Amino acid sequence: MLPPPVDPARDHIRGDGTRTILLYGDYEDPHSRDAYRTIQSLEANRTPFRLAFRHLPLTDLHPHALQAAVAAEAAHDQERFWDMHDILFTGQEQLGRENLRQYARALGLDVDRFNREFASDEQLAKITTDVRGALEAGVKGTPALFVDGERLGSYDVDELMKAVTG
């Protein structure tokens, strides 16, 4: 089954290519971080594509994954989702609540607002929608990559490059 189509009104999207990579990821998962790094290498090579990210925190394996996803959504409310997204993967070993506040400060966010948004059920609703879409598409683990709706078997840079440019 396919995931719900990427929609700029609901998804976090960056880039402007005609093909779209959809990544279901978990900020505490080392394999998601590896997929993120592969995608970064395509971005660094100026490969034209759009990247959409959806949350799939594997809370039974990664105790900080959900709060990291909530932090990314709280940063989104101050138009800094992608900056927080990048910091969370870079600082993957440090995802405690105080670390997340430090990341918000480092990004220059209004930390009081960040804390309010972090505590908001609205953030959980967005994450729950992402998780539900993943499960309906048969995604059970992270990372899960789709290019224009077609699931990829790995996040190997050559396979991903071929899928995006092919």
C-alpha atoms as a PDB file:
ATOM      1  CA  MET A   1       0.000   0.000   0.000  1.00  0.00           C
ATOM      2  CA  LEU A   2       1.157   3.556  -0.671  1.00  0.00           C
ATOM      3  CA  PRO A   3       1.537   6.284   1.932  1.00  0.00           C
ATOM      4  CA  PRO A   4      -0.755   9.300   1.706  1.00  0.00           C
ATOM      5  CA  PRO A   5       0.464  11.614  -1.081  1.00  0.00           C
ATOM      6  CA  VAL A   6       2.889  14.348  -0.079  1.00  0.00           C
ATOM      7  CA  ASP A   7       0.940  17.524   0.545  1.00  0.00           C
ATOM      8  CA  PRO A   8       2.541  20.940   1.172  1.00  0.00           C
ATOM      9  CA  ALA A   9      -0.363  21.815   3.462  1.00  0.00           C
ATOM     10  CA  ARG A  10       0.481  18.998   5.893  1.00  0.00           C
ATOM     11  CA  ASP A  11       4.028  17.839   5.184  1.00  0.00           C
ATOM     12  CA  HIS A  12       7.428  19.340   5.856  1.00  0.00           C
ATOM     13  CA  ILE A  13       9.014  19.804   2.432  1.00  0.00           C
ATOM     14  CA  ARG A  14      12.257  21.340   1.253  1.00  0.00           C
ATOM     15  CA  GLY A  15      13.785  21.524  -2.189  1.00  0.00           C
ATOM     16  CA  ASP A  16      12.243  22.211  -5.549  1.00  0.00           C
ATOM     17  CA  GLY A  17      12.868  19.235  -7.811  1.00  0.00           C
ATOM     18  CA  THR A  18      10.152  17.434  -9.713  1.00  0.00           C
ATOM     19  CA  ARG A  19      10.706  14.118  -7.893  1.00  0.00           C
ATOM     20  CA  THR A  20       9.924  13.748  -4.209  1.00  0.00           C
ATOM     21  CA  ILE A  21      11.699  11.681  -1.580  1.00  0.00           C
ATOM     22  CA  LEU A  22       9.466  10.900   1.376  1.00  0.00           C
ATOM     23  CA  LEU A  23      11.340   9.817   4.485  1.00  0.00           C
ATOM     24  CA  TYR A  24       9.599   8.274   7.471  1.00  0.00           C
ATOM     25  CA  GLY A  25      12.152   8.669  10.218  1.00  0.00           C
ATOM     26  CA  ASP A  26      12.913   8.482  13.907  1.00  0.00           C
ATOM     27  CA  TYR A  27      15.351  11.062  15.284  1.00  0.00           C
ATOM     28  CA  GLU A  28      16.883   8.553  17.704  1.00  0.00           C
ATOM     29  CA  ASP A  29      17.315   5.756  15.152  1.00  0.00           C
ATOM     30  CA  PRO A  30      20.888   5.457  13.824  1.00  0.00           C
ATOM     31  CA  HIS A  31      19.593   4.021  10.539  1.00  0.00           C
ATOM     32  CA  SER A  32      17.339   7.053  10.043  1.00  0.00           C
ATOM     33  CA  ARG A  33      20.384   9.243  10.666  1.00  0.00           C
ATOM     34  CA  ASP A  34      22.274   7.266   7.991  1.00  0.00           C
ATOM     35  CA  ALA A  35      19.423   7.787   5.515  1.00  0.00           C
ATOM     36  CA  TYR A  36      19.416  11.487   6.431  1.00  0.00           C
ATOM     37  CA  ARG A  37      23.153  11.651   5.682  1.00  0.00           C
ATOM     38  CA  THR A  38      22.600   9.965   2.324  1.00  0.00           C
ATOM     39  CA  ILE A  39      19.939  12.525   1.481  1.00  0.00           C
ATOM     40  CA  GLN A  40      22.292  15.305   2.606  1.00  0.00           C
ATOM     41  CA  SER A  41      24.901  14.042   0.149  1.00  0.00           C
ATOM     42  CA  LEU A  42      22.358  14.321  -2.684  1.00  0.00           C
ATOM     43  CA  GLU A  43      21.508  17.834  -1.538  1.00  0.00           C
ATOM     44  CA  ALA A  44      25.215  18.752  -1.408  1.00  0.00           C
ATOM     45  CA  ASN A  45      25.593  17.519  -5.006  1.00  0.00           C
ATOM     46  CA  ARG A  46      22.680  19.768  -5.980  1.00  0.00           C
ATOM     47  CA  THR A  47      20.632  16.823  -7.159  1.00  0.00           C
ATOM     48  CA  PRO A  48      17.185  18.310  -7.839  1.00  0.00           C
ATOM     49  CA  PHE A  49      14.465  16.765  -5.668  1.00  0.00           C
ATOM     50  CA  ARG A  50      12.022  17.630  -2.946  1.00  0.00           C
ATOM     51  CA  LEU A  51      12.391  16.080   0.484  1.00  0.00           C
ATOM     52  CA  ALA A  52       9.343  15.419   2.636  1.00  0.00           C
ATOM     53  CA  PHE A  53       9.782  14.196   6.195  1.00  0.00           C
ATOM     54  CA  ARG A  54       7.220  12.367   8.292  1.00  0.00           C
ATOM     55  CA  HIS A  55       7.615  11.200  11.856  1.00  0.00           C
ATOM     56  CA  LEU A  56       7.671   7.558  12.857  1.00  0.00           C
ATOM     57  CA  PRO A  57       9.069   7.518  16.402  1.00  0.00           C
ATOM     58  CA  LEU A  58       9.757   3.945  17.450  1.00  0.00           C
ATOM     59  CA  THR A  59       9.097   4.567  21.128  1.00  0.00           C
ATOM     60  CA  ASP A  60       9.514   0.936  22.161  1.00  0.00           C
ATOM     61  CA  LEU A  61      13.139   1.083  20.940  1.00  0.00           C
ATOM     62  CA  HIS A  62      14.001   4.759  21.317  1.00  0.00           C
ATOM     63  CA  PRO A  63      12.811   6.449  24.523  1.00  0.00           C
ATOM     64  CA  HIS A  64      13.578   9.995  23.292  1.00  0.00           C
ATOM     65  CA  ALA A  65      12.188   9.644  19.771  1.00  0.00           C
ATOM     66  CA  LEU A  66       8.733  11.022  20.509  1.00  0.00           C
ATOM     67  CA  GLN A  67       9.924  14.067  22.413  1.00  0.00           C
ATOM     68  CA  ALA A  68      12.433  14.787  19.637  1.00  0.00           C
ATOM     69  CA  ALA A  69       9.592  14.679  17.099  1.00  0.00           C
ATOM     70  CA  VAL A  70       7.552  17.002  19.314  1.00  0.00           C
ATOM     71  CA  ALA A  71      10.526  19.387  19.484  1.00  0.00           C
ATOM     72  CA  ALA A  72      10.747  19.449  15.683  1.00  0.00           C
ATOM     73  CA  GLU A  73       7.057  20.299  15.475  1.00  0.00           C
ATOM     74  CA  ALA A  74       7.412  22.976  18.156  1.00  0.00           C
ATOM     75  CA  ALA A  75      10.244  24.506  16.108  1.00  0.00           C
ATOM     76  CA  HIS A  76       7.997  24.345  13.033  1.00  0.00           C
ATOM     77  CA  ASP A  77       5.614  26.707  14.768  1.00  0.00           C
ATOM     78  CA  GLN A  78       8.453  29.257  14.637  1.00  0.00           C
ATOM     79  CA  GLU A  79       9.287  28.347  11.019  1.00  0.00           C
ATOM     80  CA  ARG A  80      12.446  26.464  11.978  1.00  0.00           C
ATOM     81  CA  PHE A  81      11.442  22.828  11.435  1.00  0.00           C
ATOM     82  CA  TRP A  82      14.297  21.983   9.078  1.00  0.00           C
ATOM     83  CA  ASP A  83      16.891  23.635  11.297  1.00  0.00           C
ATOM     84  CA  MET A  84      15.684  21.630  14.295  1.00  0.00           C
ATOM     85  CA  HIS A  85      15.416  18.504  12.121  1.00  0.00           C
ATOM     86  CA  ASP A  86      19.083  18.816  11.171  1.00  0.00           C
ATOM     87  CA  ILE A  87      20.197  19.453  14.764  1.00  0.00           C
ATOM     88  CA  LEU A  88      18.224  16.465  16.061  1.00  0.00           C
ATOM     89  CA  PHE A  89      19.923  14.077  13.662  1.00  0.00           C
ATOM     90  CA  THR A  90      23.331  15.639  14.283  1.00  0.00           C
ATOM     91  CA  GLY A  91      22.878  15.509  18.065  1.00  0.00           C
ATOM     92  CA  GLN A  92      21.115  12.174  18.066  1.00  0.00           C
ATOM     93  CA  GLU A  93      22.863  10.936  21.209  1.00  0.00           C
ATOM     94  CA  GLN A  94      21.597  13.946  23.198  1.00  0.00           C
ATOM     95  CA  LEU A  95      17.815  14.134  22.936  1.00  0.00           C
ATOM     96  CA  GLY A  96      16.838  14.717  26.557  1.00  0.00           C
ATOM     97  CA  ARG A  97      14.390  17.497  27.324  1.00  0.00           C
ATOM     98  CA  GLU A  98      17.104  19.957  28.420  1.00  0.00           C
ATOM     99  CA  ASN A  99      19.094  19.172  25.264  1.00  0.00           C
ATOM    100  CA  LEU A 100      16.027  20.011  23.198  1.00  0.00           C
ATOM    101  CA  ARG A 101      15.689  23.356  24.988  1.00  0.00           C
ATOM    102  CA  GLN A 102      19.376  24.041  24.329  1.00  0.00           C
ATOM    103  CA  TYR A 103      18.826  23.322  20.641  1.00  0.00           C
ATOM    104  CA  ALA A 104      15.881  25.756  20.644  1.00  0.00           C
ATOM    105  CA  ARG A 105      18.107  28.420  22.226  1.00  0.00           C
ATOM    106  CA  ALA A 106      20.892  27.726  19.717  1.00  0.00           C
ATOM    107  CA  LEU A 107      18.406  28.279  16.879  1.00  0.00           C
ATOM    108  CA  GLY A 108      17.320  31.574  18.390  1.00  0.00           C
ATOM    109  CA  LEU A 109      13.784  30.376  19.031  1.00  0.00           C
ATOM    110  CA  ASP A 110      11.527  32.022  21.563  1.00  0.00           C
ATOM    111  CA  VAL A 111      12.170  29.377  24.215  1.00  0.00           C
ATOM    112  CA  ASP A 112       9.061  30.209  26.267  1.00  0.00           C
ATOM    113  CA  ARG A 113       6.927  29.734  23.162  1.00  0.00           C
ATOM    114  CA  PHE A 114       8.886  26.589  22.279  1.00  0.00           C
ATOM    115  CA  ASN A 115       8.132  25.177  25.745  1.00  0.00           C
ATOM    116  CA  ARG A 116       4.418  25.970  25.364  1.00  0.00           C
ATOM    117  CA  GLU A 117       4.315  24.396  21.915  1.00  0.00           C
ATOM    118  CA  PHE A 118       6.325  21.428  23.165  1.00  0.00           C
ATOM    119  CA  ALA A 119       3.621  20.775  25.772  1.00  0.00           C
ATOM    120  CA  SER A 120       0.814  21.201  23.228  1.00  0.00           C
ATOM    121  CA  ASP A 121      -1.390  18.305  22.132  1.00  0.00           C
ATOM    122  CA  GLU A 122      -1.351  19.859  18.670  1.00  0.00           C
ATOM    123  CA  GLN A 123       2.195  18.566  18.141  1.00  0.00           C
ATOM    124  CA  LEU A 124       1.171  15.041  19.103  1.00  0.00           C
ATOM    125  CA  ALA A 125      -1.769  15.189  16.698  1.00  0.00           C
ATOM    126  CA  LYS A 126       0.558  15.894  13.743  1.00  0.00           C
ATOM    127  CA  ILE A 127       2.920  13.100  14.761  1.00  0.00           C
ATOM    128  CA  THR A 128       0.011  10.682  15.237  1.00  0.00           C
ATOM    129  CA  THR A 129      -1.216  11.502  11.730  1.00  0.00           C
ATOM    130  CA  ASP A 130       2.220  10.698  10.335  1.00  0.00           C
ATOM    131  CA  VAL A 131       2.400   7.421  12.270  1.00  0.00           C
ATOM    132  CA  ARG A 132      -1.086   6.409  11.156  1.00  0.00           C
ATOM    133  CA  GLY A 133      -0.179   7.063   7.501  1.00  0.00           C
ATOM    134  CA  ALA A 134       2.973   4.979   7.878  1.00  0.00           C
ATOM    135  CA  LEU A 135       1.124   2.052   9.405  1.00  0.00           C
ATOM    136  CA  GLU A 136      -1.596   2.194   6.743  1.00  0.00           C
ATOM    137  CA  ALA A 137       1.176   2.031   4.116  1.00  0.00           C
ATOM    138  CA  GLY A 138       2.665  -1.031   5.808  1.00  0.00           C
ATOM    139  CA  VAL A 139       5.679   0.823   7.178  1.00  0.00           C
ATOM    140  CA  LYS A 140       6.777  -0.753  10.437  1.00  0.00           C
ATOM    141  CA  GLY A 141      10.332   0.480  10.831  1.00  0.00           C
ATOM    142  CA  THR A 142      12.634   3.331  10.045  1.00  0.00           C
ATOM    143  CA  PRO A 143      13.961   4.607   7.856  1.00  0.00           C
ATOM    144  CA  ALA A 144      11.356   4.102   5.170  1.00  0.00           C
ATOM    145  CA  LEU A 145      11.980   5.884   1.888  1.00  0.00           C
ATOM    146  CA  PHE A 146       9.609   6.471  -0.989  1.00  0.00           C
ATOM    147  CA  VAL A 147      10.338   8.271  -4.248  1.00  0.00           C
ATOM    148  CA  ASP A 148       7.173   9.563  -5.871  1.00  0.00           C
ATOM    149  CA  GLY A 149       5.200   6.978  -3.932  1.00  0.00           C
ATOM    150  CA  GLU A 150       7.407   3.993  -4.791  1.00  0.00           C
ATOM    151  CA  ARG A 151       9.127   2.362  -1.831  1.00  0.00           C
ATOM    152  CA  LEU A 152      12.883   1.941  -1.986  1.00  0.00           C
ATOM    153  CA  GLY A 153      14.559  -1.120  -0.556  1.00  0.00           C
ATOM    154  CA  SER A 154      17.511   0.743   0.903  1.00  0.00           C
ATOM    155  CA  TYR A 155      18.990   4.168   1.421  1.00  0.00           C
ATOM    156  CA  ASP A 156      22.120   3.429  -0.556  1.00  0.00           C
ATOM    157  CA  VAL A 157      23.280   6.643  -2.231  1.00  0.00           C
ATOM    158  CA  ASP A 158      23.479   5.078  -5.707  1.00  0.00           C
ATOM    159  CA  GLU A 159      19.995   3.555  -5.467  1.00  0.00           C
ATOM    160  CA  LEU A 160      18.551   6.811  -4.162  1.00  0.00           C
ATOM    161  CA  MET A 161      20.314   8.854  -6.850  1.00  0.00           C
ATOM    162  CA  LYS A 162      19.019   6.547  -9.573  1.00  0.00           C
ATOM    163  CA  ALA A 163      15.462   6.745  -8.186  1.00  0.00           C
ATOM    164  CA  VAL A 164      15.568  10.533  -8.040  1.00  0.00           C
ATOM    165  CA  THR A 165      17.194  11.154 -11.418  1.00  0.00           C
ATOM    166  CA  GLY A 166      15.836   8.134 -13.278  1.00  0.00           C
END
